[in-house]
PDB file of N, CA and C in Angstrom:
ATOM      1  N   MET A   1     -10.004  -6.917  23.603  1.00  0.00           N
ATOM      2  CA  MET A   1     -10.826  -7.840  22.418  1.00  0.00           C
ATOM      3  C   MET A   1     -12.219  -6.422  21.809  1.00  0.00           C
ATOM      4  N   LEU A   2     -11.325  -6.235  20.136  1.00  0.00           N
ATOM      5  CA  LEU A   2     -12.385  -5.384  19.901  1.00  0.00           C
ATOM      6  C   LEU A   2     -13.765  -5.141  19.219  1.00  0.00           C
ATOM      7  N   THR A   3     -14.215  -4.367  19.339  1.00  0.00           N
ATOM      8  CA  THR A   3     -15.958  -4.396  18.633  1.00  0.00           C
ATOM      9  C   THR A   3     -15.633  -4.847  17.249  1.00  0.00           C
ATOM     10  N   PRO A   4     -16.966  -5.112  16.935  1.00  0.00           N
ATOM     11  CA  PRO A   4     -16.991  -5.216  14.893  1.00  0.00           C
ATOM     12  C   PRO A   4     -17.125  -4.195  14.881  1.00  0.00           C
ATOM     13  N   TYR A   5     -17.539  -3.232  15.538  1.00  0.00           N
ATOM     14  CA  TYR A   5     -16.765  -1.079  15.006  1.00  0.00           C
ATOM     15  C   TYR A   5     -16.034  -1.409  14.938  1.00  0.00           C
ATOM     16  N   GLU A   6     -15.359  -1.444  15.521  1.00  0.00           N
ATOM     17  CA  GLU A   6     -13.545  -0.753  15.764  1.00  0.00           C
ATOM     18  C   GLU A   6     -12.803  -1.935  14.318  1.00  0.00           C
ATOM     19  N   ILE A   7     -12.919  -3.151  14.667  1.00  0.00           N
ATOM     20  CA  ILE A   7     -12.713  -3.620  13.668  1.00  0.00           C
ATOM     21  C   ILE A   7     -13.174  -3.114  12.238  1.00  0.00           C
ATOM     22  N   THR A   8     -14.392  -2.991  11.940  1.00  0.00           N
ATOM     23  CA  THR A   8     -15.087  -2.671  10.544  1.00  0.00           C
ATOM     24  C   THR A   8     -14.011  -1.029  10.333  1.00  0.00           C
ATOM     25  N   ALA A   9     -13.760  -0.061  11.401  1.00  0.00           N
ATOM     26  CA  ALA A   9     -13.233   1.303  11.141  1.00  0.00           C
ATOM     27  C   ALA A   9     -11.708   1.071  10.692  1.00  0.00           C
ATOM     28  N   ILE A  10     -10.795  -0.013  11.945  1.00  0.00           N
ATOM     29  CA  ILE A  10      -9.403  -0.183  11.432  1.00  0.00           C
ATOM     30  C   ILE A  10      -9.536  -0.205   9.716  1.00  0.00           C
ATOM     31  N   ILE A  11      -9.993  -1.739   9.253  1.00  0.00           N
ATOM     32  CA  ILE A  11      -9.614  -2.205   7.649  1.00  0.00           C
ATOM     33  C   ILE A  11     -10.550  -0.583   7.304  1.00  0.00           C
ATOM     34  N   TYR A  12     -11.260   0.126   7.411  1.00  0.00           N
ATOM     35  CA  TYR A  12     -11.038   1.535   6.672  1.00  0.00           C
ATOM     36  C   TYR A  12     -10.264   2.153   6.407  1.00  0.00           C
ATOM     37  N   VAL A  13      -9.862   3.226   7.335  1.00  0.00           N
ATOM     38  CA  VAL A  13      -8.294   3.204   7.430  1.00  0.00           C
ATOM     39  C   VAL A  13      -7.994   2.030   6.505  1.00  0.00           C
ATOM     40  N   ALA A  14      -7.177   0.930   6.711  1.00  0.00           N
ATOM     41  CA  ALA A  14      -6.132   0.199   6.484  1.00  0.00           C
ATOM     42  C   ALA A  14      -6.577   0.555   4.825  1.00  0.00           C
ATOM     43  N   LEU A  15      -7.805   0.159   4.356  1.00  0.00           N
ATOM     44  CA  LEU A  15      -7.512   0.596   3.060  1.00  0.00           C
ATOM     45  C   LEU A  15      -7.597   1.954   2.110  1.00  0.00           C
ATOM     46  N   VAL A  16      -7.800   3.110   2.875  1.00  0.00           N
ATOM     47  CA  VAL A  16      -7.987   4.156   2.317  1.00  0.00           C
ATOM     48  C   VAL A  16      -6.266   4.701   2.598  1.00  0.00           C
ATOM     49  N   VAL A  17      -5.463   4.119   4.274  1.00  0.00           N
ATOM     50  CA  VAL A  17      -4.105   3.697   3.509  1.00  0.00           C
ATOM     51  C   VAL A  17      -3.369   3.815   2.913  1.00  0.00           C
ATOM     52  N   GLY A  18      -4.318   2.154   2.277  1.00  0.00           N
ATOM     53  CA  GLY A  18      -3.468   1.207   0.848  1.00  0.00           C
ATOM     54  C   GLY A  18      -3.903   2.241   0.051  1.00  0.00           C
ATOM     55  N   LEU A  19      -4.484   2.730   0.221  1.00  0.00           N
ATOM     56  CA  LEU A  19      -4.910   2.974  -1.809  1.00  0.00           C
ATOM     57  C   LEU A  19      -4.063   4.903  -1.429  1.00  0.00           C
ATOM     58  N   ILE A  20      -3.818   4.849  -0.694  1.00  0.00           N
ATOM     59  CA  ILE A  20      -2.940   6.311  -0.778  1.00  0.00           C
ATOM     60  C   ILE A  20      -1.540   5.707  -1.408  1.00  0.00           C
ATOM     61  N   ASN A  21      -1.388   5.061  -0.149  1.00  0.00           N
ATOM     62  CA  ASN A  21       0.708   4.322  -1.198  1.00  0.00           C
ATOM     63  C   ASN A  21       0.376   3.851  -2.084  1.00  0.00           C
ATOM     64  N   ILE A  22      -0.485   3.462  -3.453  1.00  0.00           N
ATOM     65  CA  ILE A  22      -1.386   3.055  -4.550  1.00  0.00           C
ATOM     66  C   ILE A  22      -0.489   3.984  -4.979  1.00  0.00           C
ATOM     67  N   PHE A  23      -1.339   5.718  -5.006  1.00  0.00           N
ATOM     68  CA  PHE A  23      -1.376   6.739  -5.971  1.00  0.00           C
ATOM     69  C   PHE A  23       0.413   7.433  -4.945  1.00  0.00           C
ATOM     70  N   LEU A  24       0.692   7.070  -4.050  1.00  0.00           N
ATOM     71  CA  LEU A  24       1.815   7.650  -3.842  1.00  0.00           C
ATOM     72  C   LEU A  24       3.381   7.107  -5.578  1.00  0.00           C
ATOM     73  N   LEU A  25       3.159   5.615  -5.431  1.00  0.00           N
ATOM     74  CA  LEU A  25       3.748   4.141  -6.079  1.00  0.00           C
ATOM     75  C   LEU A  25       3.732   5.309  -7.699  1.00  0.00           C
ATOM     76  N   LEU A  26       2.386   5.192  -7.563  1.00  0.00           N
ATOM     77  CA  LEU A  26       2.556   5.704  -9.273  1.00  0.00           C
ATOM     78  C   LEU A  26       2.464   6.772 -10.134  1.00  0.00           C
ATOM     79  N   ASP A  27       3.142   7.804  -8.544  1.00  0.00           N
ATOM     80  CA  ASP A  27       2.920   9.226  -8.862  1.00  0.00           C
ATOM     81  C   ASP A  27       5.174   8.579  -8.986  1.00  0.00           C
ATOM     82  N   LEU A  28       6.187   8.008  -8.251  1.00  0.00           N
ATOM     83  CA  LEU A  28       6.953   7.322  -7.783  1.00  0.00           C
ATOM     84  C   LEU A  28       7.540   6.693  -8.797  1.00  0.00           C
ATOM     85  N   LEU A  29       6.476   5.443  -9.605  1.00  0.00           N
ATOM     86  CA  LEU A  29       7.329   5.050 -11.593  1.00  0.00           C
ATOM     87  C   LEU A  29       7.216   6.133 -12.363  1.00  0.00           C
ATOM     88  N   TYR A  30       5.491   6.867 -12.612  1.00  0.00           N
ATOM     89  CA  TYR A  30       5.851   7.861 -13.444  1.00  0.00           C
ATOM     90  C   TYR A  30       7.224   8.816 -12.677  1.00  0.00           C
ATOM     91  N   SER A  31       8.028   9.269 -12.059  1.00  0.00           N
ATOM     92  CA  SER A  31       9.145  10.617 -11.597  1.00  0.00           C
ATOM     93  C   SER A  31       9.929   9.117 -12.337  1.00  0.00           C
ATOM     94  N   TYR A  32       9.845   8.223 -11.776  1.00  0.00           N
ATOM     95  CA  TYR A  32      11.103   7.291 -12.459  1.00  0.00           C
ATOM     96  C   TYR A  32      11.441   6.604 -13.682  1.00  0.00           C
ATOM     97  N   TRP A  33      10.321   6.548 -14.517  1.00  0.00           N
ATOM     98  CA  TRP A  33      10.181   6.951 -15.792  1.00  0.00           C
ATOM     99  C   TRP A  33      10.345   7.748 -16.759  1.00  0.00           C
ATOM    100  N   ASN A  34      10.392   8.717 -16.255  1.00  0.00           N
ATOM    101  CA  ASN A  34      11.039  10.214 -16.586  1.00  0.00           C
ATOM    102  C   ASN A  34      11.865  10.221 -16.350  1.00  0.00           C
ATOM    103  N   THR A  35      12.595   9.671 -15.931  1.00  0.00           N
ATOM    104  CA  THR A  35      13.967  10.299 -14.942  1.00  0.00           C
ATOM    105  C   THR A  35      15.019   8.773 -16.337  1.00  0.00           C
ATOM    106  N   TYR A  36      13.770   8.643 -15.964  1.00  0.00           N
ATOM    107  CA  TYR A  36      15.339   6.826 -16.954  1.00  0.00           C
ATOM    108  C   TYR A  36      14.755   7.203 -18.423  1.00  0.00           C
ATOM    109  N   LYS A  37      13.437   7.504 -19.153  1.00  0.00           N
ATOM    110  CA  LYS A  37      13.586   7.796 -20.583  1.00  0.00           C
ATOM    111  C   LYS A  37      14.686   9.473 -20.536  1.00  0.00           C
ATOM    112  N   GLU A  38      15.442  10.706 -19.869  1.00  0.00           N
ATOM    113  CA  GLU A  38      15.992  11.344 -20.043  1.00  0.00           C
ATOM    114  C   GLU A  38      17.583  10.373 -19.759  1.00  0.00           C
ATOM    115  N   LEU A  39      17.581   9.753 -18.618  1.00  0.00           N
ATOM    116  CA  LEU A  39      19.615   9.967 -18.086  1.00  0.00           C
ATOM    117  C   LEU A  39      19.085   7.847 -18.821  1.00  0.00           C
ATOM    118  N   GLU A  40      18.446   7.561 -18.814  1.00  0.00           N
ATOM    119  CA  GLU A  40      19.097   5.718 -19.380  1.00  0.00           C
ATOM    120  C   GLU A  40      19.864   5.486 -18.444  1.00  0.00           C
ATOM    121  N   SER A  41      19.861   5.067 -16.564  1.00  0.00           N
ATOM    122  CA  SER A  41      20.340   4.935 -15.235  1.00  0.00           C
ATOM    123  C   SER A  41      20.579   3.444 -15.454  1.00  0.00           C
ATOM    124  N   LYS A  42      21.155   2.275 -14.722  1.00  0.00           N
ATOM    125  CA  LYS A  42      20.629   1.376 -13.563  1.00  0.00           C
ATOM    126  C   LYS A  42      20.382   1.858 -13.065  1.00  0.00           C
ATOM    127  N   PHE A  43      20.582   2.837 -12.223  1.00  0.00           N
ATOM    128  CA  PHE A  43      20.047   3.292 -10.986  1.00  0.00           C
ATOM    129  C   PHE A  43      18.225   3.363 -11.158  1.00  0.00           C
ATOM    130  N   THR A  44      17.787   3.849 -12.007  1.00  0.00           N
ATOM    131  CA  THR A  44      16.907   4.938 -12.368  1.00  0.00           C
ATOM    132  C   THR A  44      15.305   3.241 -12.530  1.00  0.00           C
ATOM    133  N   VAL A  45      16.124   2.501 -13.596  1.00  0.00           N
ATOM    134  CA  VAL A  45      16.360   1.101 -13.729  1.00  0.00           C
ATOM    135  C   VAL A  45      15.379   0.248 -12.933  1.00  0.00           C
ATOM    136  N   GLY A  46      16.663   0.588 -11.696  1.00  0.00           N
ATOM    137  CA  GLY A  46      16.551  -0.137 -10.279  1.00  0.00           C
ATOM    138  C   GLY A  46      15.151   0.364  -9.329  1.00  0.00           C
ATOM    139  N   LEU A  47      15.391   1.773  -9.223  1.00  0.00           N
ATOM    140  CA  LEU A  47      13.665   2.345  -8.988  1.00  0.00           C
ATOM    141  C   LEU A  47      12.771   2.014  -9.292  1.00  0.00           C
ATOM    142  N   ILE A  48      12.594   1.905 -10.815  1.00  0.00           N
ATOM    143  CA  ILE A  48      11.514   1.691 -11.431  1.00  0.00           C
ATOM    144  C   ILE A  48      11.084  -0.123 -10.796  1.00  0.00           C
ATOM    145  N   PHE A  49      11.998  -1.220 -10.836  1.00  0.00           N
ATOM    146  CA  PHE A  49      11.549  -2.264 -10.587  1.00  0.00           C
ATOM    147  C   PHE A  49      10.493  -2.044  -8.656  1.00  0.00           C
ATOM    148  N   PHE A  50      11.906  -1.656  -7.778  1.00  0.00           N
ATOM    149  CA  PHE A  50      11.689  -1.887  -6.549  1.00  0.00           C
ATOM    150  C   PHE A  50      10.120  -1.177  -6.624  1.00  0.00           C
ATOM    151  N   THR A  51       9.870   0.137  -6.938  1.00  0.00           N
ATOM    152  CA  THR A  51       8.359   0.797  -7.269  1.00  0.00           C
ATOM    153  C   THR A  51       7.742  -0.153  -7.373  1.00  0.00           C
ATOM    154  N   SER A  52       7.857  -0.888  -8.654  1.00  0.00           N
ATOM    155  CA  SER A  52       6.353  -1.996  -9.093  1.00  0.00           C
ATOM    156  C   SER A  52       6.504  -2.595  -8.331  1.00  0.00           C
ATOM    157  N   PHE A  53       7.162  -3.417  -7.874  1.00  0.00           N
ATOM    158  CA  PHE A  53       7.176  -4.999  -6.427  1.00  0.00           C
ATOM    159  C   PHE A  53       6.506  -4.021  -5.561  1.00  0.00           C
ATOM    160  N   LEU A  54       6.630  -3.209  -5.115  1.00  0.00           N
ATOM    161  CA  LEU A  54       5.885  -2.472  -3.792  1.00  0.00           C
ATOM    162  C   LEU A  54       4.841  -1.477  -4.432  1.00  0.00           C
ATOM    163  N   LEU A  55       4.225  -1.039  -5.757  1.00  0.00           N
ATOM    164  CA  LEU A  55       3.407  -1.111  -5.701  1.00  0.00           C
ATOM    165  C   LEU A  55       2.490  -2.384  -5.598  1.00  0.00           C
ATOM    166  N   LEU A  56       2.753  -3.277  -6.623  1.00  0.00           N
ATOM    167  CA  LEU A  56       1.971  -5.034  -6.405  1.00  0.00           C
ATOM    168  C   LEU A  56       1.819  -5.515  -5.722  1.00  0.00           C
ATOM    169  N   GLN A  57       3.062  -5.022  -4.441  1.00  0.00           N
ATOM    170  CA  GLN A  57       2.795  -5.348  -3.066  1.00  0.00           C
ATOM    171  C   GLN A  57       1.470  -4.858  -2.289  1.00  0.00           C
ATOM    172  N   ASN A  58       1.354  -3.833  -2.384  1.00  0.00           N
ATOM    173  CA  ASN A  58       0.286  -3.076  -2.363  1.00  0.00           C
ATOM    174  C   ASN A  58      -0.969  -3.066  -3.054  1.00  0.00           C
ATOM    175  N   VAL A  59      -0.994  -2.940  -3.333  1.00  0.00           N
ATOM    176  CA  VAL A  59      -2.682  -3.442  -5.023  1.00  0.00           C
ATOM    177  C   VAL A  59      -3.034  -4.741  -4.024  1.00  0.00           C
ATOM    178  N   LEU A  60      -2.011  -5.666  -3.613  1.00  0.00           N
ATOM    179  CA  LEU A  60      -2.916  -7.640  -3.324  1.00  0.00           C
ATOM    180  C   LEU A  60      -3.614  -7.021  -2.052  1.00  0.00           C
ATOM    181  N   ALA A  61      -2.365  -6.072  -1.369  1.00  0.00           N
ATOM    182  CA  ALA A  61      -2.625  -6.290   0.782  1.00  0.00           C
ATOM    183  C   ALA A  61      -4.339  -5.199   0.305  1.00  0.00           C
ATOM    184  N   SER A  62      -4.543  -4.617  -0.473  1.00  0.00           N
ATOM    185  CA  SER A  62      -5.347  -3.079  -0.327  1.00  0.00           C
ATOM    186  C   SER A  62      -6.545  -4.291  -1.293  1.00  0.00           C
ATOM    187  N   ILE A  63      -6.502  -5.270  -1.611  1.00  0.00           N
ATOM    188  CA  ILE A  63      -7.727  -5.748  -2.300  1.00  0.00           C
ATOM    189  C   ILE A  63      -7.816  -6.950  -1.308  1.00  0.00           C
ATOM    190  N   PHE A  64      -6.934  -7.869  -0.581  1.00  0.00           N
ATOM    191  CA  PHE A  64      -7.652  -8.584   0.511  1.00  0.00           C
ATOM    192  C   PHE A  64      -8.154  -7.627   2.222  1.00  0.00           C
ATOM    193  N   ILE A  65      -7.765  -6.715   2.035  1.00  0.00           N
ATOM    194  CA  ILE A  65      -8.817  -5.770   3.090  1.00  0.00           C
ATOM    195  C   ILE A  65      -9.536  -5.661   2.436  1.00  0.00           C
ATOM    196  N   ALA A  66      -9.803  -4.819   1.120  1.00  0.00           N
ATOM    197  CA  ALA A  66     -11.594  -4.456   0.971  1.00  0.00           C
ATOM    198  C   ALA A  66     -11.520  -6.021   0.711  1.00  0.00           C
ATOM    199  N   VAL A  67     -11.568  -7.118   0.050  1.00  0.00           N
ATOM    200  CA  VAL A  67     -12.274  -8.543   0.672  1.00  0.00           C
ATOM    201  C   VAL A  67     -12.957  -8.403   2.431  1.00  0.00           C
ATOM    202  N   GLN A  68     -12.221  -7.715   3.178  1.00  0.00           N
ATOM    203  CA  GLN A  68     -12.705  -8.211   3.837  1.00  0.00           C
ATOM    204  C   GLN A  68     -14.002  -6.570   4.372  1.00  0.00           C
ATOM    205  N   LEU A  69     -13.971  -5.916   4.084  1.00  0.00           N
ATOM    206  CA  LEU A  69     -16.157  -5.239   3.925  1.00  0.00           C
ATOM    207  C   LEU A  69     -16.673  -5.934   3.479  1.00  0.00           C
ATOM    208  N   ILE A  70     -16.193  -7.356   1.766  1.00  0.00           N
ATOM    209  CA  ILE A  70     -17.255  -7.391   1.769  1.00  0.00           C
ATOM    210  C   ILE A  70     -17.969  -9.097   2.577  1.00  0.00           C
ATOM    211  N   LEU A  71     -17.452  -9.686   2.943  1.00  0.00           N
ATOM    212  CA  LEU A  71     -17.226 -11.019   3.937  1.00  0.00           C
ATOM    213  C   LEU A  71     -18.337 -10.552   4.821  1.00  0.00           C
ATOM    214  N   PRO A  72     -18.932 -11.677   4.772  1.00  0.00           N
ATOM    215  CA  PRO A  72     -20.431 -11.044   5.896  1.00  0.00           C
ATOM    216  C   PRO A  72     -18.842 -11.594   7.747  1.00  0.00           C
ATOM    217  N   PRO A  73     -19.794 -10.910   8.322  1.00  0.00           N
ATOM    218  CA  PRO A  73     -18.965 -10.353   9.612  1.00  0.00           C
ATOM    219  C   PRO A  73     -18.865 -11.907  10.300  1.00  0.00           C
ATOM    220  N   ASP A  74     -19.732 -12.686   9.839  1.00  0.00           N
ATOM    221  CA  ASP A  74     -19.801 -13.640  10.616  1.00  0.00           C
ATOM    222  C   ASP A  74     -18.828 -14.905  10.642  1.00  0.00           C
ATOM    223  N   PHE A  75     -18.265 -14.309   8.628  1.00  0.00           N
ATOM    224  CA  PHE A  75     -17.333 -15.428   8.008  1.00  0.00           C
ATOM    225  C   PHE A  75     -16.122 -15.897   9.164  1.00  0.00           C
ATOM    226  N   ASN A  76     -16.148 -17.592   8.760  1.00  0.00           N
ATOM    227  CA  ASN A  76     -14.856 -18.040   9.900  1.00  0.00           C
ATOM    228  C   ASN A  76     -13.997 -18.648   9.037  1.00  0.00           C
ATOM    229  N   GLY A  77     -14.104 -18.126   7.514  1.00  0.00           N
ATOM    230  CA  GLY A  77     -12.624 -18.551   7.383  1.00  0.00           C
ATOM    231  C   GLY A  77     -11.357 -18.439   8.013  1.00  0.00           C
ATOM    232  N   SER A  78     -10.394 -19.333   6.568  1.00  0.00           N
ATOM    233  CA  SER A  78      -9.081 -19.157   7.819  1.00  0.00           C
ATOM    234  C   SER A  78      -8.229 -17.972   8.878  1.00  0.00           C
ATOM    235  N   GLU A  79      -8.081 -17.121   8.131  1.00  0.00           N
ATOM    236  CA  GLU A  79      -6.905 -15.506   8.505  1.00  0.00           C
ATOM    237  C   GLU A  79      -7.839 -14.913   8.170  1.00  0.00           C
ATOM    238  N   LEU A  80      -9.106 -15.435   7.439  1.00  0.00           N
ATOM    239  CA  LEU A  80      -9.614 -13.763   7.192  1.00  0.00           C
ATOM    240  C   LEU A  80     -10.024 -12.149   7.908  1.00  0.00           C
ATOM    241  N   GLY A  81     -10.255 -13.304   9.305  1.00  0.00           N
ATOM    242  CA  GLY A  81     -11.181 -11.619  10.112  1.00  0.00           C
ATOM    243  C   GLY A  81      -9.630 -11.715  11.527  1.00  0.00           C
ATOM    244  N   LYS A  82      -8.485 -12.008  10.693  1.00  0.00           N
ATOM    245  CA  LYS A  82      -7.614 -11.388  12.972  1.00  0.00           C
ATOM    246  C   LYS A  82      -6.581 -10.276  11.975  1.00  0.00           C
ATOM    247  N   PRO A  83      -5.844 -10.556  11.135  1.00  0.00           N
ATOM    248  CA  PRO A  83      -5.083  -9.604  10.657  1.00  0.00           C
ATOM    249  C   PRO A  83      -4.783  -8.129  10.567  1.00  0.00           C
ATOM    250  N   HIS A  84      -6.469  -7.051  10.749  1.00  0.00           N
ATOM    251  CA  HIS A  84      -6.473  -6.497  10.658  1.00  0.00           C
ATOM    252  C   HIS A  84      -5.704  -5.291  11.396  1.00  0.00           C
ATOM    253  N   LEU A  85      -4.953  -4.807  11.872  1.00  0.00           N
ATOM    254  CA  LEU A  85      -4.431  -4.215  13.091  1.00  0.00           C
ATOM    255  C   LEU A  85      -3.129  -3.999  12.097  1.00  0.00           C
ATOM    256  N   PRO A  86      -2.265  -5.759  12.227  1.00  0.00           N
ATOM    257  CA  PRO A  86      -0.606  -5.569  11.795  1.00  0.00           C
ATOM    258  C   PRO A  86      -0.727  -4.867  10.460  1.00  0.00           C
ATOM    259  N   LEU A  87      -2.161  -5.121   9.428  1.00  0.00           N
ATOM    260  CA  LEU A  87      -2.092  -4.981   7.509  1.00  0.00           C
ATOM    261  C   LEU A  87      -2.203  -3.111   8.637  1.00  0.00           C
ATOM    262  N   LEU A  88      -2.717  -2.892   8.774  1.00  0.00           N
ATOM    263  CA  LEU A  88      -2.875  -1.133   9.001  1.00  0.00           C
ATOM    264  C   LEU A  88      -1.872  -0.751   9.534  1.00  0.00           C
ATOM    265  N   LEU A  89      -0.980  -1.168  10.653  1.00  0.00           N
ATOM    266  CA  LEU A  89       0.374  -0.813  11.130  1.00  0.00           C
ATOM    267  C   LEU A  89       1.095  -0.386   9.968  1.00  0.00           C
ATOM    268  N   ILE A  90       0.976  -1.950   9.016  1.00  0.00           N
ATOM    269  CA  ILE A  90       2.600  -1.980   7.287  1.00  0.00           C
ATOM    270  C   ILE A  90       1.853  -1.017   6.924  1.00  0.00           C
ATOM    271  N   ASN A  91       0.435  -0.824   5.846  1.00  0.00           N
ATOM    272  CA  ASN A  91       0.227   0.868   5.284  1.00  0.00           C
ATOM    273  C   ASN A  91       0.894   1.452   6.229  1.00  0.00           C
ATOM    274  N   LEU A  92       0.521   1.243   7.261  1.00  0.00           N
ATOM    275  CA  LEU A  92       1.021   3.059   7.758  1.00  0.00           C
ATOM    276  C   LEU A  92       2.228   3.517   8.096  1.00  0.00           C
ATOM    277  N   ILE A  93       3.418   2.249   8.037  1.00  0.00           N
ATOM    278  CA  ILE A  93       4.172   2.202   8.137  1.00  0.00           C
ATOM    279  C   ILE A  93       5.886   2.950   6.641  1.00  0.00           C
ATOM    280  N   GLN A  94       4.795   1.721   5.696  1.00  0.00           N
ATOM    281  CA  GLN A  94       4.924   1.920   4.160  1.00  0.00           C
ATOM    282  C   GLN A  94       4.345   4.157   3.994  1.00  0.00           C
ATOM    283  N   LEU A  95       2.712   3.674   4.410  1.00  0.00           N
ATOM    284  CA  LEU A  95       3.240   5.137   4.186  1.00  0.00           C
ATOM    285  C   LEU A  95       3.973   6.687   4.408  1.00  0.00           C
ATOM    286  N   VAL A  96       4.719   6.736   6.061  1.00  0.00           N
ATOM    287  CA  VAL A  96       5.611   8.046   5.699  1.00  0.00           C
ATOM    288  C   VAL A  96       6.799   7.499   5.214  1.00  0.00           C
ATOM    289  N   ALA A  97       7.198   5.976   5.298  1.00  0.00           N
ATOM    290  CA  ALA A  97       8.702   5.800   3.898  1.00  0.00           C
ATOM    291  C   ALA A  97       8.605   6.521   2.799  1.00  0.00           C
ATOM    292  N   LEU A  98       7.331   6.145   2.172  1.00  0.00           N
ATOM    293  CA  LEU A  98       7.300   6.772   0.659  1.00  0.00           C
ATOM    294  C   LEU A  98       6.924   7.622   0.554  1.00  0.00           C
ATOM    295  N   SER A  99       6.120   8.463   1.457  1.00  0.00           N
ATOM    296  CA  SER A  99       6.223   9.603   1.754  1.00  0.00           C
ATOM    297  C   SER A  99       7.569  10.401   1.991  1.00  0.00           C
ATOM    298  N   ILE A 100       8.451   9.692   2.716  1.00  0.00           N
ATOM    299  CA  ILE A 100       9.658  10.717   2.672  1.00  0.00           C
ATOM    300  C   ILE A 100      10.574  10.672   1.153  1.00  0.00           C
ATOM    301  N   LEU A 101      10.161   9.114   0.309  1.00  0.00           N
ATOM    302  CA  LEU A 101      11.111   8.820  -0.743  1.00  0.00           C
ATOM    303  C   LEU A 101      10.497   9.634  -2.057  1.00  0.00           C
ATOM    304  N   LEU A 102       9.443  10.195  -2.201  1.00  0.00           N
ATOM    305  CA  LEU A 102       8.680  10.994  -2.744  1.00  0.00           C
ATOM    306  C   LEU A 102       9.076  12.617  -2.574  1.00  0.00           C
ATOM    307  N   LYS A 103       8.943  12.513  -1.448  1.00  0.00           N
ATOM    308  CA  LYS A 103       9.132  13.963  -1.536  1.00  0.00           C
ATOM    309  C   LYS A 103      11.149  14.651  -1.595  1.00  0.00           C
ATOM    310  N   ILE A 104      11.793  13.620  -0.907  1.00  0.00           N
ATOM    311  CA  ILE A 104      13.293  12.910  -2.099  1.00  0.00           C
ATOM    312  C   ILE A 104      13.426  13.187  -2.710  1.00  0.00           C
ATOM    313  N   THR A 105      12.765  12.175  -4.289  1.00  0.00           N
ATOM    314  CA  THR A 105      12.724  12.404  -5.210  1.00  0.00           C
ATOM    315  C   THR A 105      12.085  13.576  -5.522  1.00  0.00           C
ATOM    316  N   ARG A 106      11.966  14.176  -5.168  1.00  0.00           N
ATOM    317  CA  ARG A 106      11.288  15.780  -5.997  1.00  0.00           C
ATOM    318  C   ARG A 106      12.141  16.876  -6.045  1.00  0.00           C
ATOM    319  N   LYS A 107      13.078  16.369  -5.209  1.00  0.00           N
ATOM    320  CA  LYS A 107      13.908  17.621  -5.475  1.00  0.00           C
ATOM    321  C   LYS A 107      14.470  17.458  -5.955  1.00  0.00           C
TER     322      LYS A 107
END
């Protein structure tokens, strides 16, 4: 069982990773938009949509995570107090994937 301090630490790390993902996605979206202006390719439009949906998912997940820091620790809401570690792991995996995608895109 995790202590309240460990849960809070996981929430902060998950939020920071989520925010990094948002900035990576914004950078990718900027790159794809510039590429689209030059090439007007359907593939680039697909990348813009893909990145936009991932951006939306990360914004919503980061808001959900941030709410965990605002709610009192004894809040007994439905599932609000339970998914800390899974959200952190999802964000970490996305961070690695998006970093690779950004590196490939920049070349």
